[in-house]
Amino acid sequence: MVKTVREQTWDIEDAVLSPLAAHSRRSAGRLRSEPECSVRTVYQRDRDRIIHSNAFRRLKHKTQVFLSPEGDHYRTRLTHTLEVSQIARTIARGLRLNEDLAEAVALGHDLGHTPFGHAGEAALNAVVPGGFRHYEQSLRVVDVLEKDGEGLNLTREVRDGIERHTSGTQPATLEGRIVRLADRIAYINHDIDDAIHADVLSETAIPEDIRAALGNSKSQRISTLVISAIENSGEDIRLGQGTQAAFDQLHDFMFDSVYKNDKCKDQEPKAMELVKWLYDFFKNHPEELPPGFARIAASDGAERAACDYIAGMTDRYAVMTFNKLFIPKSWEY
């Protein structure tokens, strides 16, 4: 009997991948069983479902660090996601782990992020009962909100990697743990790049001992961190001790120099208030929600529906909605 392309890929994985890898043949499956694809493995299908989702497309208009920056080269949540995916794939290949799984987790990890970056997340966390965490919302997006309430029905391995990509319990797979590290490598280094473009920072402002350990440019730092991960990982994903210490120092430096910098954060209070006003309005007026979210309000409550609706907004759509609801229009006659 002739093997399908998917079955041939299974054989290639068995021959090439590390015994520590998550082999697609042995996936724990989906929440709802469905027929296999003859060409793609389950992780390849998950990757494709995420890329073709509405939530993925919206990432191009969601803030990373700088709110509504003027200039074509600042990162958005989408470009951040692609950089995480590239770094994760490189580490996975170096360790002979499953690149398709790492890629799928990376592409889906921020689907639940709010408009206005962490300012929007902080705003919803302050008003939503039980708080708001973007990684939990990312899982809700793929499980519940996409495809008009059907969800994407992703594999358990991809769902686990998405839910655990930020903090708390480590992902169950090494590929998921790679994404957790790749996310941090990507955002710290591209935030340095964006801060330099914004004249908030210069390369030489980074302490000399950090530059000596990690490199004097974005490219050098990423290479150092990726190679360290490949050379020091085994049954877990880790950096070399000295590299990890320097990376932690760089993270602390960025918080003090960029993430708390007034030039980067001066618009955040406005963004947070905008998000809170929108949440309060839709919580109290669920009849104004689009049909899909009105159904959520009927089944899960207006607070849940308002949170889902606002978390999915892009920056510009949130501003447009705010203006429509709260800014008076000129009188026409």
C-alpha atoms as a PDB file:
ATOM      1  CA  MET A   1       0.000   0.000   0.000  1.00  0.00           C
ATOM      2  CA  VAL A   2       1.362   3.415  -1.006  1.00  0.00           C
ATOM      3  CA  LYS A   3       1.985   5.697   1.923  1.00  0.00           C
ATOM      4  CA  THR A   4       0.452   9.156   2.033  1.00  0.00           C
ATOM      5  CA  VAL A   5       2.673  12.231   2.139  1.00  0.00           C
ATOM      6  CA  ARG A   6       1.758  12.643   5.802  1.00  0.00           C
ATOM      7  CA  GLU A   7       2.849   9.077   6.560  1.00  0.00           C
ATOM      8  CA  GLN A   8       6.109   9.651   4.710  1.00  0.00           C
ATOM      9  CA  THR A   9       6.654  12.755   6.849  1.00  0.00           C
ATOM     10  CA  TRP A  10       6.045  10.614   9.945  1.00  0.00           C
ATOM     11  CA  ASP A  11       8.832   8.287   8.782  1.00  0.00           C
ATOM     12  CA  ILE A  12      11.177  11.219   8.171  1.00  0.00           C
ATOM     13  CA  GLU A  13      10.463  12.543  11.665  1.00  0.00           C
ATOM     14  CA  ASP A  14      11.192   9.140  13.184  1.00  0.00           C
ATOM     15  CA  ALA A  15      14.497   8.978  11.321  1.00  0.00           C
ATOM     16  CA  VAL A  16      15.657  12.562  11.886  1.00  0.00           C
ATOM     17  CA  LEU A  17      14.108  14.015  15.029  1.00  0.00           C
ATOM     18  CA  SER A  18      15.448  13.570  18.530  1.00  0.00           C
ATOM     19  CA  PRO A  19      13.704  11.041  20.793  1.00  0.00           C
ATOM     20  CA  LEU A  20      12.895  14.089  22.952  1.00  0.00           C
ATOM     21  CA  ALA A  21      10.924  15.719  20.124  1.00  0.00           C
ATOM     22  CA  ALA A  22       7.133  15.797  19.893  1.00  0.00           C
ATOM     23  CA  HIS A  23       6.618  13.486  16.924  1.00  0.00           C
ATOM     24  CA  SER A  24       3.432  14.366  15.067  1.00  0.00           C
ATOM     25  CA  ARG A  25       2.537  10.682  14.724  1.00  0.00           C
ATOM     26  CA  ARG A  26       2.206  10.531  18.516  1.00  0.00           C
ATOM     27  CA  SER A  27       0.240  13.732  19.103  1.00  0.00           C
ATOM     28  CA  ALA A  28      -2.258  13.609  21.962  1.00  0.00           C
ATOM     29  CA  GLY A  29      -4.866  14.722  19.438  1.00  0.00           C
ATOM     30  CA  ARG A  30      -7.517  17.415  19.285  1.00  0.00           C
ATOM     31  CA  LEU A  31     -10.426  18.367  21.518  1.00  0.00           C
ATOM     32  CA  ARG A  32     -12.719  17.054  18.775  1.00  0.00           C
ATOM     33  CA  SER A  33     -11.561  14.164  16.615  1.00  0.00           C
ATOM     34  CA  GLU A  34     -11.503  14.705  12.860  1.00  0.00           C
ATOM     35  CA  PRO A  35     -10.145  12.914   9.781  1.00  0.00           C
ATOM     36  CA  GLU A  36      -6.406  13.223   9.107  1.00  0.00           C
ATOM     37  CA  CYS A  37      -5.071  15.187   6.138  1.00  0.00           C
ATOM     38  CA  SER A  38      -3.319  13.011   3.585  1.00  0.00           C
ATOM     39  CA  VAL A  39      -0.549  15.585   3.053  1.00  0.00           C
ATOM     40  CA  ARG A  40      -0.016  17.577   6.253  1.00  0.00           C
ATOM     41  CA  THR A  41       0.791  16.441   9.760  1.00  0.00           C
ATOM     42  CA  VAL A  42      -1.401  17.658  12.618  1.00  0.00           C
ATOM     43  CA  TYR A  43       1.088  20.396  13.539  1.00  0.00           C
ATOM     44  CA  GLN A  44       1.318  21.616   9.951  1.00  0.00           C
ATOM     45  CA  ARG A  45      -2.467  21.851   9.861  1.00  0.00           C
ATOM     46  CA  ASP A  46      -2.476  23.817  13.115  1.00  0.00           C
ATOM     47  CA  ARG A  47       0.072  26.247  11.690  1.00  0.00           C
ATOM     48  CA  ASP A  48      -2.066  26.756   8.581  1.00  0.00           C
ATOM     49  CA  ARG A  49      -5.265  27.251  10.579  1.00  0.00           C
ATOM     50  CA  ILE A  50      -3.606  29.929  12.689  1.00  0.00           C
ATOM     51  CA  ILE A  51      -2.135  31.785   9.689  1.00  0.00           C
ATOM     52  CA  HIS A  52      -5.517  31.851   7.937  1.00  0.00           C
ATOM     53  CA  SER A  53      -7.417  33.015  11.026  1.00  0.00           C
ATOM     54  CA  ASN A  54      -8.977  36.446  11.441  1.00  0.00           C
ATOM     55  CA  ALA A  55      -7.133  36.948  14.734  1.00  0.00           C
ATOM     56  CA  PHE A  56      -3.756  36.431  13.043  1.00  0.00           C
ATOM     57  CA  ARG A  57      -4.489  39.084  10.410  1.00  0.00           C
ATOM     58  CA  ARG A  58      -5.491  41.586  13.080  1.00  0.00           C
ATOM     59  CA  LEU A  59      -2.037  41.381  14.663  1.00  0.00           C
ATOM     60  CA  LYS A  60      -0.656  43.696  11.970  1.00  0.00           C
ATOM     61  CA  HIS A  61      -2.533  46.628  13.522  1.00  0.00           C
ATOM     62  CA  LYS A  62      -1.821  45.885  17.179  1.00  0.00           C
ATOM     63  CA  THR A  63       0.847  47.730  19.151  1.00  0.00           C
ATOM     64  CA  GLN A  64       4.021  46.043  20.308  1.00  0.00           C
ATOM     65  CA  VAL A  65       5.674  48.721  22.518  1.00  0.00           C
ATOM     66  CA  PHE A  66       5.302  52.140  20.864  1.00  0.00           C
ATOM     67  CA  LEU A  67       1.672  53.281  20.550  1.00  0.00           C
ATOM     68  CA  SER A  68       0.796  54.386  16.985  1.00  0.00           C
ATOM     69  CA  PRO A  69       4.423  55.111  16.034  1.00  0.00           C
ATOM     70  CA  GLU A  70       5.182  57.323  13.048  1.00  0.00           C
ATOM     71  CA  GLY A  71       7.464  55.358  10.755  1.00  0.00           C
ATOM     72  CA  ASP A  72       7.349  52.188   8.709  1.00  0.00           C
ATOM     73  CA  HIS A  73       9.958  50.148  10.575  1.00  0.00           C
ATOM     74  CA  TYR A  74       8.537  49.826  14.084  1.00  0.00           C
ATOM     75  CA  ARG A  75       7.358  46.414  15.152  1.00  0.00           C
ATOM     76  CA  THR A  76       3.725  45.438  15.405  1.00  0.00           C
ATOM     77  CA  ARG A  77       2.342  42.398  17.157  1.00  0.00           C
ATOM     78  CA  LEU A  78       2.443  40.602  13.785  1.00  0.00           C
ATOM     79  CA  THR A  79       6.100  41.281  13.029  1.00  0.00           C
ATOM     80  CA  HIS A  80       6.941  40.288  16.602  1.00  0.00           C
ATOM     81  CA  THR A  81       5.114  36.996  16.060  1.00  0.00           C
ATOM     82  CA  LEU A  82       7.045  36.298  12.859  1.00  0.00           C
ATOM     83  CA  GLU A  83      10.363  37.023  14.582  1.00  0.00           C
ATOM     84  CA  VAL A  84       9.462  34.651  17.419  1.00  0.00           C
ATOM     85  CA  SER A  85       8.585  31.988  14.850  1.00  0.00           C
ATOM     86  CA  GLN A  86      11.922  32.369  13.034  1.00  0.00           C
ATOM     87  CA  ILE A  87      13.946  32.160  16.250  1.00  0.00           C
ATOM     88  CA  ALA A  88      11.937  29.193  17.506  1.00  0.00           C
ATOM     89  CA  ARG A  89      12.388  27.282  14.262  1.00  0.00           C
ATOM     90  CA  THR A  90      16.141  27.850  14.298  1.00  0.00           C
ATOM     91  CA  ILE A  91      16.499  26.551  17.852  1.00  0.00           C
ATOM     92  CA  ALA A  92      14.194  23.610  17.141  1.00  0.00           C
ATOM     93  CA  ARG A  93      16.176  22.610  14.077  1.00  0.00           C
ATOM     94  CA  GLY A  94      19.453  22.885  15.959  1.00  0.00           C
ATOM     95  CA  LEU A  95      18.123  20.534  18.639  1.00  0.00           C
ATOM     96  CA  ARG A  96      16.426  18.174  16.147  1.00  0.00           C
ATOM     97  CA  LEU A  97      13.020  18.966  17.636  1.00  0.00           C
ATOM     98  CA  ASN A  98       9.763  19.439  15.736  1.00  0.00           C
ATOM     99  CA  GLU A  99       9.937  22.715  13.812  1.00  0.00           C
ATOM    100  CA  ASP A 100       6.289  22.510  12.728  1.00  0.00           C
ATOM    101  CA  LEU A 101       5.084  22.348  16.325  1.00  0.00           C
ATOM    102  CA  ALA A 102       7.386  25.175  17.415  1.00  0.00           C
ATOM    103  CA  GLU A 103       6.208  27.288  14.490  1.00  0.00           C
ATOM    104  CA  ALA A 104       2.513  26.680  15.198  1.00  0.00           C
ATOM    105  CA  VAL A 105       2.884  27.629  18.868  1.00  0.00           C
ATOM    106  CA  ALA A 106       4.890  30.735  17.968  1.00  0.00           C
ATOM    107  CA  LEU A 107       2.369  31.920  15.392  1.00  0.00           C
ATOM    108  CA  GLY A 108      -0.514  31.472  17.821  1.00  0.00           C
ATOM    109  CA  HIS A 109       1.027  32.666  21.066  1.00  0.00           C
ATOM    110  CA  ASP A 110      -0.197  36.295  20.934  1.00  0.00           C
ATOM    111  CA  LEU A 111      -3.562  35.922  19.180  1.00  0.00           C
ATOM    112  CA  GLY A 112      -5.342  37.077  22.324  1.00  0.00           C
ATOM    113  CA  HIS A 113      -3.344  40.237  22.833  1.00  0.00           C
ATOM    114  CA  THR A 114      -5.288  43.444  23.294  1.00  0.00           C
ATOM    115  CA  PRO A 115      -5.086  46.720  21.384  1.00  0.00           C
ATOM    116  CA  PHE A 116      -2.391  49.065  22.693  1.00  0.00           C
ATOM    117  CA  GLY A 117      -0.101  46.249  23.836  1.00  0.00           C
ATOM    118  CA  HIS A 118       0.426  45.726  27.532  1.00  0.00           C
ATOM    119  CA  ALA A 119      -1.428  48.958  28.309  1.00  0.00           C
ATOM    120  CA  GLY A 120      -4.606  47.412  26.928  1.00  0.00           C
ATOM    121  CA  GLU A 121      -3.925  44.211  28.814  1.00  0.00           C
ATOM    122  CA  ALA A 122      -3.436  46.123  32.072  1.00  0.00           C
ATOM    123  CA  ALA A 123      -6.674  48.036  31.486  1.00  0.00           C
ATOM    124  CA  LEU A 124      -8.755  44.902  30.967  1.00  0.00           C
ATOM    125  CA  ASN A 125      -7.022  43.190  33.871  1.00  0.00           C
ATOM    126  CA  ALA A 126      -8.175  46.042  36.093  1.00  0.00           C
ATOM    127  CA  VAL A 127     -11.859  45.859  35.127  1.00  0.00           C
ATOM    128  CA  VAL A 128     -12.670  42.299  34.036  1.00  0.00           C
ATOM    129  CA  PRO A 129     -13.871  40.043  36.876  1.00  0.00           C
ATOM    130  CA  GLY A 130     -11.105  37.535  37.593  1.00  0.00           C
ATOM    131  CA  GLY A 131      -8.577  39.627  35.677  1.00  0.00           C
ATOM    132  CA  PHE A 132      -7.279  39.353  32.128  1.00  0.00           C
ATOM    133  CA  ARG A 133      -4.190  37.541  30.857  1.00  0.00           C
ATOM    134  CA  HIS A 134      -3.388  37.600  27.167  1.00  0.00           C
ATOM    135  CA  TYR A 135      -2.118  34.013  27.069  1.00  0.00           C
ATOM    136  CA  GLU A 136      -5.449  32.741  28.423  1.00  0.00           C
ATOM    137  CA  GLN A 137      -7.252  34.892  25.883  1.00  0.00           C
ATOM    138  CA  SER A 138      -5.044  33.480  23.104  1.00  0.00           C
ATOM    139  CA  LEU A 139      -6.246  30.007  24.026  1.00  0.00           C
ATOM    140  CA  ARG A 140      -9.842  31.223  24.104  1.00  0.00           C
ATOM    141  CA  VAL A 141      -9.398  32.686  20.620  1.00  0.00           C
ATOM    142  CA  VAL A 142      -8.320  29.366  19.117  1.00  0.00           C
ATOM    143  CA  ASP A 143     -10.732  27.261  21.163  1.00  0.00           C
ATOM    144  CA  VAL A 144     -13.899  29.377  21.082  1.00  0.00           C
ATOM    145  CA  LEU A 145     -13.857  32.641  19.164  1.00  0.00           C
ATOM    146  CA  GLU A 146     -12.471  31.797  15.734  1.00  0.00           C
ATOM    147  CA  LYS A 147     -14.654  30.433  12.936  1.00  0.00           C
ATOM    148  CA  ASP A 148     -17.845  31.997  14.303  1.00  0.00           C
ATOM    149  CA  GLY A 149     -17.648  30.163  17.593  1.00  0.00           C
ATOM    150  CA  GLU A 150     -16.388  26.813  16.329  1.00  0.00           C
ATOM    151  CA  GLY A 151     -12.741  27.448  17.211  1.00  0.00           C
ATOM    152  CA  LEU A 152      -9.762  26.068  15.310  1.00  0.00           C
ATOM    153  CA  ASN A 153      -9.717  22.697  17.088  1.00  0.00           C
ATOM    154  CA  LEU A 154      -5.942  22.683  17.481  1.00  0.00           C
ATOM    155  CA  THR A 155      -3.870  19.851  18.895  1.00  0.00           C
ATOM    156  CA  ARG A 156      -3.309  19.618  22.617  1.00  0.00           C
ATOM    157  CA  GLU A 157       0.419  20.273  22.170  1.00  0.00           C
ATOM    158  CA  VAL A 158      -0.122  23.562  20.357  1.00  0.00           C
ATOM    159  CA  ARG A 159      -2.816  24.656  22.795  1.00  0.00           C
ATOM    160  CA  ASP A 160      -0.521  23.853  25.735  1.00  0.00           C
ATOM    161  CA  GLY A 161       2.332  25.872  24.207  1.00  0.00           C
ATOM    162  CA  ILE A 162       0.083  28.876  23.603  1.00  0.00           C
ATOM    163  CA  GLU A 163      -1.387  28.860  27.102  1.00  0.00           C
ATOM    164  CA  ARG A 164       1.960  28.488  28.864  1.00  0.00           C
ATOM    165  CA  HIS A 165       4.188  30.697  26.724  1.00  0.00           C
ATOM    166  CA  THR A 166       4.590  33.520  29.234  1.00  0.00           C
ATOM    167  CA  SER A 167       4.799  32.482  32.879  1.00  0.00           C
ATOM    168  CA  GLY A 168       3.845  29.850  35.402  1.00  0.00           C
ATOM    169  CA  THR A 169       4.042  26.164  34.548  1.00  0.00           C
ATOM    170  CA  GLN A 170       6.402  25.305  31.715  1.00  0.00           C
ATOM    171  CA  PRO A 171       4.898  23.914  28.481  1.00  0.00           C
ATOM    172  CA  ALA A 172       4.726  20.130  28.335  1.00  0.00           C
ATOM    173  CA  THR A 173       6.790  19.895  25.133  1.00  0.00           C
ATOM    174  CA  LEU A 174      10.313  21.095  24.506  1.00  0.00           C
ATOM    175  CA  GLU A 175       9.003  22.854  21.405  1.00  0.00           C
ATOM    176  CA  GLY A 176       6.626  24.876  23.574  1.00  0.00           C
ATOM    177  CA  ARG A 177       9.498  25.752  25.897  1.00  0.00           C
ATOM    178  CA  ILE A 178      11.534  26.913  22.913  1.00  0.00           C
ATOM    179  CA  VAL A 179       8.775  29.377  22.022  1.00  0.00           C
ATOM    180  CA  ARG A 180       8.741  30.666  25.593  1.00  0.00           C
ATOM    181  CA  LEU A 181      12.447  31.481  25.282  1.00  0.00           C
ATOM    182  CA  ALA A 182      12.182  32.695  21.666  1.00  0.00           C
ATOM    183  CA  ASP A 183       9.439  35.140  22.664  1.00  0.00           C
ATOM    184  CA  ARG A 184      11.745  36.757  25.211  1.00  0.00           C
ATOM    185  CA  ILE A 185      14.733  36.777  22.849  1.00  0.00           C
ATOM    186  CA  ALA A 186      12.639  38.417  20.134  1.00  0.00           C
ATOM    187  CA  TYR A 187      10.898  41.111  22.122  1.00  0.00           C
ATOM    188  CA  ILE A 188      13.925  42.312  24.072  1.00  0.00           C
ATOM    189  CA  ASN A 189      16.076  42.591  20.971  1.00  0.00           C
ATOM    190  CA  HIS A 190      13.516  44.168  18.668  1.00  0.00           C
ATOM    191  CA  ASP A 191      12.459  46.548  21.430  1.00  0.00           C
ATOM    192  CA  ILE A 192      16.082  47.703  21.601  1.00  0.00           C
ATOM    193  CA  ASP A 193      15.979  48.234  17.834  1.00  0.00           C
ATOM    194  CA  ASP A 194      12.725  50.197  18.006  1.00  0.00           C
ATOM    195  CA  ALA A 195      13.989  52.261  20.942  1.00  0.00           C
ATOM    196  CA  ILE A 196      17.098  53.186  18.957  1.00  0.00           C
ATOM    197  CA  HIS A 197      14.909  54.278  16.019  1.00  0.00           C
ATOM    198  CA  ALA A 198      12.874  56.387  18.441  1.00  0.00           C
ATOM    199  CA  ASP A 199      15.998  58.041  19.921  1.00  0.00           C
ATOM    200  CA  VAL A 200      15.147  56.588  23.311  1.00  0.00           C
ATOM    201  CA  LEU A 201      18.274  54.455  23.430  1.00  0.00           C
ATOM    202  CA  SER A 202      21.631  53.872  21.756  1.00  0.00           C
ATOM    203  CA  GLU A 203      23.653  50.684  21.461  1.00  0.00           C
ATOM    204  CA  THR A 204      26.442  52.224  23.522  1.00  0.00           C
ATOM    205  CA  ALA A 205      23.986  52.944  26.358  1.00  0.00           C
ATOM    206  CA  ILE A 206      23.712  49.213  26.968  1.00  0.00           C
ATOM    207  CA  PRO A 207      26.167  48.378  29.771  1.00  0.00           C
ATOM    208  CA  GLU A 208      29.542  47.241  28.503  1.00  0.00           C
ATOM    209  CA  ASP A 209      29.526  43.938  30.408  1.00  0.00           C
ATOM    210  CA  ILE A 210      26.224  42.963  28.743  1.00  0.00           C
ATOM    211  CA  ARG A 211      27.559  43.862  25.301  1.00  0.00           C
ATOM    212  CA  ALA A 212      30.733  41.895  25.968  1.00  0.00           C
ATOM    213  CA  ALA A 213      28.679  38.821  26.855  1.00  0.00           C
ATOM    214  CA  LEU A 214      25.940  39.032  24.223  1.00  0.00           C
ATOM    215  CA  GLY A 215      27.231  41.203  21.383  1.00  0.00           C
ATOM    216  CA  ASN A 216      27.146  44.760  20.079  1.00  0.00           C
ATOM    217  CA  SER A 217      24.164  44.508  17.738  1.00  0.00           C
ATOM    218  CA  LYS A 218      20.750  42.916  17.476  1.00  0.00           C
ATOM    219  CA  SER A 219      22.087  40.271  15.111  1.00  0.00           C
ATOM    220  CA  GLN A 220      25.006  39.383  17.381  1.00  0.00           C
ATOM    221  CA  ARG A 221      22.800  39.184  20.467  1.00  0.00           C
ATOM    222  CA  ILE A 222      20.220  36.941  18.834  1.00  0.00           C
ATOM    223  CA  SER A 223      22.947  34.670  17.446  1.00  0.00           C
ATOM    224  CA  THR A 224      24.608  34.426  20.857  1.00  0.00           C
ATOM    225  CA  LEU A 225      21.338  33.540  22.574  1.00  0.00           C
ATOM    226  CA  VAL A 226      20.199  31.039  19.929  1.00  0.00           C
ATOM    227  CA  ILE A 227      23.565  29.257  19.861  1.00  0.00           C
ATOM    228  CA  SER A 228      23.670  29.172  23.656  1.00  0.00           C
ATOM    229  CA  ALA A 229      20.225  27.564  23.734  1.00  0.00           C
ATOM    230  CA  ILE A 230      21.242  24.935  21.193  1.00  0.00           C
ATOM    231  CA  GLU A 231      24.517  24.148  22.953  1.00  0.00           C
ATOM    232  CA  ASN A 232      23.099  23.982  26.495  1.00  0.00           C
ATOM    233  CA  SER A 233      19.670  22.399  26.086  1.00  0.00           C
ATOM    234  CA  GLY A 234      18.960  18.723  26.571  1.00  0.00           C
ATOM    235  CA  GLU A 235      15.981  17.406  28.472  1.00  0.00           C
ATOM    236  CA  ASP A 236      15.020  21.033  29.056  1.00  0.00           C
ATOM    237  CA  ILE A 237      15.523  24.293  27.154  1.00  0.00           C
ATOM    238  CA  ARG A 238      18.106  26.539  28.754  1.00  0.00           C
ATOM    239  CA  LEU A 239      20.853  29.048  28.092  1.00  0.00           C
ATOM    240  CA  GLY A 240      24.408  28.757  29.337  1.00  0.00           C
ATOM    241  CA  GLN A 241      24.825  30.131  32.838  1.00  0.00           C
ATOM    242  CA  GLY A 242      26.833  33.206  31.842  1.00  0.00           C
ATOM    243  CA  THR A 243      24.601  33.962  28.882  1.00  0.00           C
ATOM    244  CA  GLN A 244      21.480  33.637  31.027  1.00  0.00           C
ATOM    245  CA  ALA A 245      22.908  36.035  33.616  1.00  0.00           C
ATOM    246  CA  ALA A 246      23.737  38.621  30.934  1.00  0.00           C
ATOM    247  CA  PHE A 247      20.305  38.184  29.345  1.00  0.00           C
ATOM    248  CA  ASP A 248      18.597  38.780  32.684  1.00  0.00           C
ATOM    249  CA  GLN A 249      20.701  41.926  33.134  1.00  0.00           C
ATOM    250  CA  LEU A 250      19.647  43.112  29.684  1.00  0.00           C
ATOM    251  CA  HIS A 251      16.002  42.525  30.574  1.00  0.00           C
ATOM    252  CA  ASP A 252      16.356  44.609  33.751  1.00  0.00           C
ATOM    253  CA  PHE A 253      18.165  47.334  31.800  1.00  0.00           C
ATOM    254  CA  MET A 254      15.330  47.483  29.259  1.00  0.00           C
ATOM    255  CA  PHE A 255      12.716  47.871  31.971  1.00  0.00           C
ATOM    256  CA  ASP A 256      14.554  50.787  33.489  1.00  0.00           C
ATOM    257  CA  SER A 257      15.577  52.468  30.228  1.00  0.00           C
ATOM    258  CA  VAL A 258      12.724  51.751  27.805  1.00  0.00           C
ATOM    259  CA  TYR A 259       9.640  50.069  29.244  1.00  0.00           C
ATOM    260  CA  LYS A 260       9.339  52.717  31.980  1.00  0.00           C
ATOM    261  CA  ASN A 261      10.560  55.581  29.784  1.00  0.00           C
ATOM    262  CA  ASP A 262       8.143  58.524  29.609  1.00  0.00           C
ATOM    263  CA  LYS A 263       8.665  58.893  25.857  1.00  0.00           C
ATOM    264  CA  CYS A 264       7.431  55.335  25.326  1.00  0.00           C
ATOM    265  CA  LYS A 265       4.678  55.427  27.909  1.00  0.00           C
ATOM    266  CA  ASP A 266       3.245  58.948  27.806  1.00  0.00           C
ATOM    267  CA  GLN A 267       0.204  57.834  25.771  1.00  0.00           C
ATOM    268  CA  GLU A 268      -0.517  54.710  27.804  1.00  0.00           C
ATOM    269  CA  PRO A 269      -2.865  56.366  30.356  1.00  0.00           C
ATOM    270  CA  LYS A 270      -5.037  57.581  27.469  1.00  0.00           C
ATOM    271  CA  ALA A 271      -5.066  54.127  25.888  1.00  0.00           C
ATOM    272  CA  MET A 272      -5.972  52.484  29.185  1.00  0.00           C
ATOM    273  CA  GLU A 273      -8.850  54.876  29.797  1.00  0.00           C
ATOM    274  CA  LEU A 274     -10.117  54.319  26.254  1.00  0.00           C
ATOM    275  CA  VAL A 275     -10.168  50.549  26.786  1.00  0.00           C
ATOM    276  CA  LYS A 276     -11.922  50.900  30.144  1.00  0.00           C
ATOM    277  CA  TRP A 277     -14.588  53.199  28.646  1.00  0.00           C
ATOM    278  CA  LEU A 278     -15.234  50.706  25.837  1.00  0.00           C
ATOM    279  CA  TYR A 279     -15.479  47.811  28.267  1.00  0.00           C
ATOM    280  CA  ASP A 280     -17.877  49.674  30.529  1.00  0.00           C
ATOM    281  CA  PHE A 281     -20.069  50.674  27.584  1.00  0.00           C
ATOM    282  CA  PHE A 282     -20.398  47.211  26.043  1.00  0.00           C
ATOM    283  CA  LYS A 283     -20.778  45.534  29.432  1.00  0.00           C
ATOM    284  CA  ASN A 284     -23.788  47.755  30.082  1.00  0.00           C
ATOM    285  CA  HIS A 285     -25.097  47.775  26.498  1.00  0.00           C
ATOM    286  CA  PRO A 286     -24.640  44.220  25.168  1.00  0.00           C
ATOM    287  CA  GLU A 287     -27.315  44.920  22.555  1.00  0.00           C
ATOM    288  CA  GLU A 288     -24.705  47.109  20.818  1.00  0.00           C
ATOM    289  CA  LEU A 289     -22.304  44.187  20.347  1.00  0.00           C
ATOM    290  CA  PRO A 290     -21.910  42.526  16.934  1.00  0.00           C
ATOM    291  CA  PRO A 291     -24.077  39.385  16.519  1.00  0.00           C
ATOM    292  CA  GLY A 292     -21.353  36.864  17.374  1.00  0.00           C
ATOM    293  CA  PHE A 293     -20.513  38.623  20.614  1.00  0.00           C
ATOM    294  CA  ALA A 294     -24.182  39.181  21.410  1.00  0.00           C
ATOM    295  CA  ARG A 295     -24.534  35.394  21.407  1.00  0.00           C
ATOM    296  CA  ILE A 296     -21.646  35.167  23.886  1.00  0.00           C
ATOM    297  CA  ALA A 297     -23.369  37.759  26.061  1.00  0.00           C
ATOM    298  CA  ALA A 298     -26.516  35.643  26.062  1.00  0.00           C
ATOM    299  CA  SER A 299     -24.682  32.443  26.982  1.00  0.00           C
ATOM    300  CA  ASP A 300     -21.716  33.615  29.086  1.00  0.00           C
ATOM    301  CA  GLY A 301     -22.693  37.093  30.228  1.00  0.00           C
ATOM    302  CA  ALA A 302     -22.139  40.649  29.017  1.00  0.00           C
ATOM    303  CA  GLU A 303     -18.814  41.011  30.841  1.00  0.00           C
ATOM    304  CA  ARG A 304     -17.333  38.016  29.016  1.00  0.00           C
ATOM    305  CA  ALA A 305     -18.632  39.217  25.657  1.00  0.00           C
ATOM    306  CA  ALA A 306     -17.358  42.774  26.174  1.00  0.00           C
ATOM    307  CA  CYS A 307     -13.920  41.431  27.100  1.00  0.00           C
ATOM    308  CA  ASP A 308     -13.771  39.167  24.051  1.00  0.00           C
ATOM    309  CA  TYR A 309     -14.861  41.950  21.717  1.00  0.00           C
ATOM    310  CA  ILE A 310     -12.439  44.569  23.008  1.00  0.00           C
ATOM    311  CA  ALA A 311      -9.471  42.187  23.310  1.00  0.00           C
ATOM    312  CA  GLY A 312      -9.866  41.357  19.625  1.00  0.00           C
ATOM    313  CA  MET A 313      -9.830  44.971  18.474  1.00  0.00           C
ATOM    314  CA  THR A 314      -6.895  46.505  16.636  1.00  0.00           C
ATOM    315  CA  ASP A 315      -5.557  49.828  17.890  1.00  0.00           C
ATOM    316  CA  ARG A 316      -7.211  51.816  15.127  1.00  0.00           C
ATOM    317  CA  TYR A 317     -10.531  49.984  15.386  1.00  0.00           C
ATOM    318  CA  ALA A 318     -10.615  50.665  19.132  1.00  0.00           C
ATOM    319  CA  VAL A 319     -10.025  54.386  18.488  1.00  0.00           C
ATOM    320  CA  MET A 320     -12.646  54.416  15.733  1.00  0.00           C
ATOM    321  CA  THR A 321     -15.188  52.696  17.988  1.00  0.00           C
ATOM    322  CA  PHE A 322     -14.443  55.093  20.842  1.00  0.00           C
ATOM    323  CA  ASN A 323     -14.885  58.094  18.556  1.00  0.00           C
ATOM    324  CA  LYS A 324     -18.151  56.713  17.224  1.00  0.00           C
ATOM    325  CA  LEU A 325     -19.534  56.143  20.717  1.00  0.00           C
ATOM    326  CA  PHE A 326     -18.231  59.115  22.673  1.00  0.00           C
ATOM    327  CA  ILE A 327     -17.100  61.949  20.362  1.00  0.00           C
ATOM    328  CA  PRO A 328     -19.910  64.268  19.170  1.00  0.00           C
ATOM    329  CA  LYS A 329     -20.392  64.547  15.428  1.00  0.00           C
ATOM    330  CA  SER A 330     -20.829  67.832  13.613  1.00  0.00           C
ATOM    331  CA  TRP A 331     -24.465  68.802  13.133  1.00  0.00           C
ATOM    332  CA  GLU A 332     -25.683  68.280   9.599  1.00  0.00           C
ATOM    333  CA  TYR A 333     -28.594  70.098   7.990  1.00  0.00           C
END
